[in-house]
Amino acid sequence: MKKNGIIDAWDKGESIVNGWSSIANTFSSEIMAASGFDS
């Protein structure tokens, strides 16, 4: 089974940073992916 990094971080008491984008543009998605969001 694949490990879930978010669940592992929560188990350690760490915070998670989440991002959401509703812009239908692949460039915006790539920028979000490179920004370091956890999920």
C-alpha atoms as a PDB file:
ATOM      1  CA  MET A   1       0.000   0.000   0.000  1.00  0.00           C
ATOM      2  CA  LYS A   2       1.286   3.469  -0.913  1.00  0.00           C
ATOM      3  CA  LYS A   3       2.207   5.695   2.051  1.00  0.00           C
ATOM      4  CA  ASN A   4       0.195   8.859   2.563  1.00  0.00           C
ATOM      5  CA  GLY A   5       2.546  11.717   3.432  1.00  0.00           C
ATOM      6  CA  ILE A   6      -0.272  13.920   4.695  1.00  0.00           C
ATOM      7  CA  ILE A   7      -1.550  11.322   7.160  1.00  0.00           C
ATOM      8  CA  ASP A   8       2.035  10.699   8.316  1.00  0.00           C
ATOM      9  CA  ALA A   9       2.533  14.437   8.930  1.00  0.00           C
ATOM     10  CA  TRP A  10      -0.730  14.660  10.894  1.00  0.00           C
ATOM     11  CA  ASP A  11       0.329  11.698  13.024  1.00  0.00           C
ATOM     12  CA  LYS A  12       3.510  13.636  13.900  1.00  0.00           C
ATOM     13  CA  GLY A  13       1.457  16.733  14.806  1.00  0.00           C
ATOM     14  CA  GLU A  14       2.720  18.710  11.806  1.00  0.00           C
ATOM     15  CA  SER A  15       0.663  21.242   9.845  1.00  0.00           C
ATOM     16  CA  ILE A  16      -0.352  20.779   6.222  1.00  0.00           C
ATOM     17  CA  VAL A  17      -0.574  23.553   3.614  1.00  0.00           C
ATOM     18  CA  ASN A  18      -3.307  23.073   1.019  1.00  0.00           C
ATOM     19  CA  GLY A  19      -3.992  24.984  -2.177  1.00  0.00           C
ATOM     20  CA  TRP A  20      -7.016  25.104  -4.447  1.00  0.00           C
ATOM     21  CA  SER A  21      -7.303  26.445  -7.956  1.00  0.00           C
ATOM     22  CA  SER A  22     -10.398  26.620 -10.135  1.00  0.00           C
ATOM     23  CA  ILE A  23      -8.644  28.243 -13.087  1.00  0.00           C
ATOM     24  CA  ALA A  24      -8.867  26.062 -16.190  1.00  0.00           C
ATOM     25  CA  ASN A  25      -5.298  26.719 -17.263  1.00  0.00           C
ATOM     26  CA  THR A  26      -2.432  24.204 -17.274  1.00  0.00           C
ATOM     27  CA  PHE A  27       0.172  26.909 -16.634  1.00  0.00           C
ATOM     28  CA  SER A  28      -1.593  27.895 -13.397  1.00  0.00           C
ATOM     29  CA  SER A  29      -1.671  24.236 -12.345  1.00  0.00           C
ATOM     30  CA  GLU A  30       2.063  23.894 -12.950  1.00  0.00           C
ATOM     31  CA  ILE A  31       2.773  27.009 -10.868  1.00  0.00           C
ATOM     32  CA  MET A  32       0.663  25.612  -8.014  1.00  0.00           C
ATOM     33  CA  ALA A  33       2.431  22.235  -8.244  1.00  0.00           C
ATOM     34  CA  ALA A  34       5.859  23.894  -8.044  1.00  0.00           C
ATOM     35  CA  SER A  35       4.888  26.123  -5.098  1.00  0.00           C
ATOM     36  CA  GLY A  36       5.394  23.476  -2.427  1.00  0.00           C
ATOM     37  CA  PHE A  37       1.837  22.815  -1.310  1.00  0.00           C
ATOM     38  CA  ASP A  38       1.405  19.534   0.580  1.00  0.00           C
ATOM     39  CA  SER A  39      -1.848  18.643  -1.140  1.00  0.00           C
END
